[in-house]
Amino acid sequence: MITAAVLAALATACAVGAWRFTTARWTSRAPRLAVIVWQSLGVAWGLATTGAMLAYAVQPYGTGVLQGLIAFGRGETPSQAWDPLHVLALIAGLTALAVLVVVLITAGVQALRARRRHRMLLALISRDDPGVPGVRVLDHPSAAAYCVPGLRSQVVVSEGALKLLSQDELAAVLAHESAHVRERHDLVLLPFAALRRALPWSKVVADAQSQVELLIEMAADDRARRYCSPRRLATALLRFGTAGAMPTPQGMLGVHAQHVMARVDRLIKPGPELATPARYGFIALSVTLLTATPFLWVFQL
């Protein structure tokens, strides 16, 4: 009973923390760290929510969640009799866990299929350009720049973008898209997209996904700043915003119109870096969340 109560309290704390985190102001000063905190909150919330129900359900076995589920799967006889509440908790917990796993797998499979189809399409309608080696060029008048993530990643720009941007601005945009590819930001977004599928009615989940999308754009901006002028990247973003950029294909990573001004402001007027004690504090929080929930699944309190 204590384990179930602790897990329920942890799930509630993660939900409240996620709600408060959507309005946090420090995240733009350390986007990579903020993404890690978001990931730890999401993992801890999912494990704590399902774990609380399952911990209560396997109480008749007098063991932890994992051991209780193993005993149930083996058909072992519990030390106490089952009652309707425990049965209902078991059904609800297993259903919630199955939904989370299934939507994650489904989102991953759909993303892989979308990227495979898009690579096939690019092979037909795009071309190489000596002026931008290693980049696929679309013969399209609208401005577009995005990356196709994966093991065979590609960076794509349109003819409209080549005409719209100066050489320095184009180099900044390509550095930004290459950062997405190197840091595998598609894998960062996947769990949040899956959670959005599972809970489409949740405003907190929608806000979390939007926040993480913005944070990975800022993280890619930070990496691109090592190789280009921040002002050139900012002017390129403004050009995309005013030119009416082509929407990014599904499953790809590209410019989001709703995030342009926030990124431009940050590039032109960067704020101070997050203080070291605060960084260590958020790292400690993430580690605690990622270790506490598995511990409570294994051990009985």
Protein backbone atom coordinates (compact mmCIF):
# COMPACT_ATOMS: atom_id res chain seq x y z
CA MET A 1 0.00 0.00 0.00
CA ILE A 2 2.88 2.37 0.78
CA THR A 3 4.51 1.76 -2.63
CA ALA A 4 1.24 2.49 -4.44
CA ALA A 5 0.76 5.70 -2.44
CA VAL A 6 4.34 6.85 -3.11
CA LEU A 7 4.02 6.15 -6.82
CA ALA A 8 0.68 7.98 -6.95
CA ALA A 9 2.24 10.97 -5.18
CA LEU A 10 5.19 10.90 -7.59
CA ALA A 11 2.86 10.78 -10.59
CA THR A 12 0.92 13.76 -9.24
CA ALA A 13 4.15 15.66 -8.59
CA CYS A 14 5.35 14.99 -12.15
CA ALA A 15 2.04 16.20 -13.60
CA VAL A 16 2.14 19.38 -11.52
CA GLY A 17 5.82 19.86 -12.35
CA ALA A 18 5.11 19.51 -16.07
CA TRP A 19 2.30 22.05 -15.82
CA ARG A 20 4.59 24.52 -14.03
CA PHE A 21 7.48 23.75 -16.37
CA THR A 22 5.53 24.92 -19.43
CA THR A 23 5.85 28.50 -18.17
CA ALA A 24 9.43 28.30 -16.87
CA ARG A 25 11.62 31.15 -18.12
CA TRP A 26 15.05 29.60 -17.66
CA THR A 27 14.61 26.93 -20.33
CA SER A 28 15.76 29.14 -23.21
CA ARG A 29 19.05 29.71 -21.37
CA ALA A 30 19.81 25.97 -21.29
CA PRO A 31 17.64 24.23 -23.91
CA ARG A 32 19.48 20.89 -23.85
CA LEU A 33 19.18 20.67 -20.08
CA ALA A 34 15.51 21.64 -20.28
CA VAL A 35 14.88 18.84 -22.79
CA ILE A 36 16.51 16.36 -20.39
CA VAL A 37 14.24 17.56 -17.58
CA TRP A 38 11.20 17.21 -19.85
CA GLN A 39 12.22 13.67 -20.77
CA SER A 40 12.74 12.68 -17.14
CA LEU A 41 9.36 14.14 -16.18
CA GLY A 42 7.65 12.22 -18.99
CA VAL A 43 9.31 8.89 -18.19
CA ALA A 44 8.74 9.26 -14.45
CA TRP A 45 5.10 10.25 -14.94
CA GLY A 46 4.38 7.27 -17.20
CA LEU A 47 6.08 4.74 -14.92
CA ALA A 48 4.65 6.25 -11.74
CA THR A 49 1.07 6.42 -13.05
CA THR A 50 0.99 2.85 -14.30
CA GLY A 51 3.11 1.66 -11.37
CA ALA A 52 0.72 3.11 -8.80
CA MET A 53 -2.18 1.11 -10.23
CA LEU A 54 -0.15 -2.06 -10.60
CA ALA A 55 1.41 -1.74 -7.13
CA TYR A 56 -2.08 -1.65 -5.63
CA ALA A 57 -3.21 -4.51 -7.90
CA VAL A 58 -0.42 -6.93 -6.86
CA GLN A 59 -0.77 -6.24 -3.13
CA PRO A 60 -2.23 -9.73 -2.57
CA TYR A 61 1.19 -11.14 -3.51
CA GLY A 62 2.94 -8.95 -0.94
CA THR A 63 5.75 -8.09 -3.38
CA GLY A 64 6.92 -5.21 -5.54
CA VAL A 65 5.31 -4.35 -8.86
CA LEU A 66 7.69 -6.32 -11.03
CA GLN A 67 7.76 -9.40 -8.83
CA GLY A 68 3.99 -9.30 -8.45
CA LEU A 69 3.46 -9.17 -12.21
CA ILE A 70 5.87 -12.08 -12.70
CA ALA A 71 4.00 -14.09 -10.06
CA PHE A 72 0.67 -13.24 -11.68
CA GLY A 73 2.00 -14.27 -15.10
CA ARG A 74 3.15 -17.60 -13.70
CA GLY A 75 -0.25 -18.23 -12.20
CA GLU A 76 1.03 -18.37 -8.63
CA THR A 77 -1.52 -18.23 -5.84
CA PRO A 78 -1.49 -14.92 -3.90
CA SER A 79 -1.22 -14.88 -0.12
CA GLN A 80 -4.46 -12.88 0.08
CA ALA A 81 -7.71 -13.21 -1.83
CA TRP A 82 -8.34 -10.98 -4.84
CA ASP A 83 -11.15 -8.44 -4.59
CA PRO A 84 -12.84 -6.36 -7.32
CA LEU A 85 -10.74 -3.25 -6.61
CA HIS A 86 -7.48 -5.11 -7.06
CA VAL A 87 -8.73 -6.73 -10.25
CA LEU A 88 -9.89 -3.36 -11.60
CA ALA A 89 -6.53 -1.78 -10.73
CA LEU A 90 -4.71 -4.60 -12.51
CA ILE A 91 -6.81 -4.19 -15.67
CA ALA A 92 -6.43 -0.40 -15.62
CA GLY A 93 -2.67 -0.54 -15.00
CA LEU A 94 -1.95 -3.11 -17.69
CA THR A 95 -4.19 -1.26 -20.16
CA ALA A 96 -2.48 2.07 -19.49
CA LEU A 97 0.97 0.49 -19.82
CA ALA A 98 -0.04 -1.26 -23.05
CA VAL A 99 -1.44 1.96 -24.52
CA LEU A 100 1.77 3.86 -23.78
CA VAL A 101 3.92 1.14 -25.34
CA VAL A 102 1.67 0.70 -28.38
CA VAL A 103 1.41 4.41 -29.20
CA LEU A 104 5.20 4.76 -28.88
CA ILE A 105 5.80 1.86 -31.26
CA THR A 106 3.09 3.11 -33.63
CA ALA A 107 4.52 6.63 -33.71
CA GLY A 108 7.98 5.23 -34.42
CA VAL A 109 6.76 2.97 -37.23
CA GLN A 110 4.74 5.76 -38.84
CA ALA A 111 7.71 8.14 -38.68
CA LEU A 112 9.98 5.54 -40.30
CA ARG A 113 7.44 4.91 -43.07
CA ALA A 114 6.96 8.64 -43.72
CA ARG A 115 10.71 9.15 -43.98
CA ARG A 116 11.16 6.16 -46.28
CA ARG A 117 8.42 7.44 -48.60
CA HIS A 118 9.92 10.91 -48.55
CA ARG A 119 13.39 9.62 -49.41
CA MET A 120 11.90 7.78 -52.39
CA LEU A 121 10.14 10.97 -53.45
CA LEU A 122 13.32 13.01 -53.07
CA ALA A 123 15.16 10.55 -55.30
CA LEU A 124 12.68 11.43 -58.04
CA ILE A 125 12.16 15.18 -57.66
CA SER A 126 15.34 16.55 -56.05
CA ARG A 127 18.85 17.06 -57.40
CA ASP A 128 22.41 17.65 -56.30
CA ASP A 129 23.84 21.15 -56.65
CA PRO A 130 27.60 21.84 -56.77
CA GLY A 131 26.96 25.10 -54.91
CA VAL A 132 25.62 23.23 -51.86
CA PRO A 133 27.46 19.89 -51.74
CA GLY A 134 25.81 17.12 -49.73
CA VAL A 135 22.42 18.83 -49.85
CA ARG A 136 19.38 17.83 -51.91
CA VAL A 137 17.74 20.69 -53.82
CA LEU A 138 14.03 20.80 -54.62
CA ASP A 139 12.93 22.70 -57.71
CA HIS A 140 10.19 24.55 -55.86
CA PRO A 141 9.63 28.34 -55.79
CA SER A 142 8.64 28.44 -52.10
CA ALA A 143 11.32 28.69 -49.41
CA ALA A 144 11.99 25.42 -47.61
CA ALA A 145 14.81 23.96 -45.55
CA TYR A 146 14.50 20.80 -43.51
CA CYS A 147 16.24 17.55 -42.68
CA VAL A 148 15.18 13.95 -43.14
CA PRO A 149 16.51 12.28 -39.96
CA GLY A 150 17.60 8.69 -39.64
CA LEU A 151 20.54 6.46 -40.51
CA ARG A 152 20.49 7.82 -44.07
CA SER A 153 19.84 11.41 -43.10
CA GLN A 154 19.53 14.15 -45.69
CA VAL A 155 19.37 17.94 -45.61
CA VAL A 156 16.97 19.45 -48.13
CA VAL A 157 16.57 23.02 -49.40
CA SER A 158 14.33 24.40 -52.12
CA GLU A 159 15.27 26.52 -55.10
CA GLY A 160 13.18 29.27 -53.53
CA ALA A 161 15.37 29.18 -50.40
CA LEU A 162 18.55 29.38 -52.48
CA LYS A 163 17.24 32.52 -54.17
CA LEU A 164 15.91 34.02 -50.92
CA LEU A 165 19.02 33.64 -48.75
CA SER A 166 22.50 35.06 -49.01
CA GLN A 167 25.48 32.70 -48.89
CA ASP A 168 26.08 33.41 -45.19
CA GLU A 169 22.41 32.98 -44.34
CA LEU A 170 22.24 29.72 -46.28
CA ALA A 171 25.33 28.43 -44.47
CA ALA A 172 23.68 29.27 -41.13
CA VAL A 173 20.48 27.44 -42.06
CA LEU A 174 22.41 24.37 -43.25
CA ALA A 175 24.43 24.35 -40.02
CA HIS A 176 21.16 24.43 -38.07
CA GLU A 177 19.67 21.51 -40.01
CA SER A 178 22.90 19.53 -39.71
CA ALA A 179 22.69 20.01 -35.94
CA HIS A 180 19.27 18.34 -35.93
CA VAL A 181 20.77 15.38 -37.78
CA ARG A 182 23.84 15.03 -35.52
CA GLU A 183 21.92 15.29 -32.25
CA ARG A 184 19.04 13.02 -33.40
CA HIS A 185 16.36 15.45 -32.31
CA ASP A 186 13.79 13.25 -34.04
CA LEU A 187 14.28 10.66 -31.27
CA VAL A 188 13.81 13.38 -28.64
CA LEU A 189 10.45 14.37 -30.14
CA LEU A 190 9.15 10.83 -30.69
CA PRO A 191 7.98 10.07 -27.09
CA PHE A 192 6.18 13.41 -26.85
CA ALA A 193 4.42 12.85 -30.16
CA ALA A 194 3.42 9.38 -28.93
CA LEU A 195 2.12 10.77 -25.64
CA ARG A 196 0.11 13.34 -27.60
CA ARG A 197 -1.51 10.49 -29.52
CA ALA A 198 -2.37 8.72 -26.28
CA LEU A 199 -3.74 11.88 -24.59
CA PRO A 200 -4.94 14.20 -27.38
CA TRP A 201 -7.25 16.03 -24.95
CA SER A 202 -4.49 16.99 -22.50
CA LYS A 203 -3.41 20.63 -22.65
CA VAL A 204 -0.32 19.86 -20.56
CA VAL A 205 0.80 17.22 -23.07
CA ALA A 206 0.16 19.57 -26.00
CA ASP A 207 2.11 22.36 -24.29
CA ALA A 208 4.94 19.96 -23.44
CA GLN A 209 5.25 18.86 -27.06
CA SER A 210 5.27 22.48 -28.25
CA GLN A 211 7.88 23.42 -25.65
CA VAL A 212 10.17 20.53 -26.60
CA GLU A 213 9.85 21.41 -30.29
CA LEU A 214 10.97 24.96 -29.51
CA LEU A 215 13.78 23.77 -27.22
CA ILE A 216 15.32 21.47 -29.82
CA GLU A 217 15.22 24.33 -32.32
CA MET A 218 17.08 26.49 -29.80
CA ALA A 219 19.56 23.67 -29.16
CA ALA A 220 20.20 23.39 -32.90
CA ASP A 221 20.63 27.18 -33.05
CA ASP A 222 23.27 26.95 -30.31
CA ARG A 223 25.21 24.32 -32.22
CA ALA A 224 24.92 26.29 -35.48
CA ARG A 225 26.31 29.39 -33.72
CA ARG A 226 29.67 27.62 -33.46
CA TYR A 227 30.00 27.77 -37.26
CA CYS A 228 28.11 30.90 -38.27
CA SER A 229 27.03 34.36 -37.16
CA PRO A 230 23.92 34.32 -34.93
CA ARG A 231 22.64 37.42 -36.74
CA ARG A 232 22.88 35.66 -40.10
CA LEU A 233 20.77 32.81 -38.74
CA ALA A 234 18.31 35.32 -37.28
CA THR A 235 17.94 37.18 -40.59
CA ALA A 236 17.48 33.87 -42.40
CA LEU A 237 14.66 32.96 -40.00
CA LEU A 238 13.03 36.34 -40.57
CA ARG A 239 13.23 35.87 -44.32
CA PHE A 240 11.56 32.48 -44.01
CA GLY A 241 8.87 33.99 -41.79
CA THR A 242 8.04 36.84 -44.13
CA ALA A 243 8.32 34.79 -47.34
CA GLY A 244 5.72 32.24 -46.27
CA ALA A 245 7.89 29.14 -46.08
CA MET A 246 6.64 25.82 -47.39
CA PRO A 247 5.30 23.57 -44.58
CA THR A 248 7.74 20.94 -43.36
CA PRO A 249 6.70 17.42 -44.49
CA GLN A 250 5.37 15.09 -41.82
CA GLY A 251 8.09 13.27 -39.90
CA MET A 252 10.82 15.77 -40.88
CA LEU A 253 12.44 18.57 -38.89
CA GLY A 254 12.22 22.10 -40.26
CA VAL A 255 11.23 25.68 -39.56
CA HIS A 256 8.08 26.15 -37.44
CA ALA A 257 6.44 29.51 -38.08
CA GLN A 258 5.14 29.81 -34.49
CA HIS A 259 8.68 29.57 -33.09
CA VAL A 260 10.47 32.03 -35.38
CA MET A 261 10.25 35.22 -33.29
CA ALA A 262 11.23 33.50 -30.04
CA ARG A 263 14.33 32.12 -31.74
CA VAL A 264 15.18 35.43 -33.42
CA ASP A 265 14.93 37.33 -30.13
CA ARG A 266 17.20 34.79 -28.45
CA LEU A 267 19.78 34.93 -31.26
CA ILE A 268 19.92 38.73 -31.36
CA LYS A 269 19.73 39.33 -27.61
CA PRO A 270 21.03 36.20 -25.88
CA GLY A 271 20.37 36.01 -22.16
CA PRO A 272 22.91 35.02 -19.51
CA GLU A 273 23.80 31.37 -19.17
CA LEU A 274 22.06 29.38 -16.45
CA ALA A 275 24.02 29.45 -13.20
CA THR A 276 26.10 26.36 -12.46
CA PRO A 277 24.31 25.51 -9.16
CA ALA A 278 20.97 25.62 -10.98
CA ARG A 279 22.32 23.32 -13.70
CA TYR A 280 23.50 20.78 -11.15
CA GLY A 281 20.18 21.05 -9.35
CA PHE A 282 18.17 20.22 -12.47
CA ILE A 283 20.56 17.40 -13.36
CA ALA A 284 20.09 15.96 -9.87
CA LEU A 285 16.31 16.26 -10.26
CA SER A 286 16.39 14.38 -13.57
CA VAL A 287 18.59 11.62 -12.17
CA THR A 288 16.33 11.28 -9.13
CA LEU A 289 13.20 10.98 -11.26
CA LEU A 290 14.78 8.45 -13.62
CA THR A 291 16.02 6.24 -10.77
CA ALA A 292 13.22 6.58 -8.21
CA THR A 293 10.42 5.17 -10.35
CA PRO A 294 12.26 2.01 -11.49
CA PHE A 295 13.35 1.49 -7.87
CA LEU A 296 9.72 1.61 -6.72
CA TRP A 297 8.76 -0.85 -9.44
CA VAL A 298 11.31 -3.39 -8.19
CA PHE A 299 11.22 -2.96 -4.43
CA GLN A 300 8.27 -3.06 -2.03
CA LEU A 301 8.01 -0.34 0.61
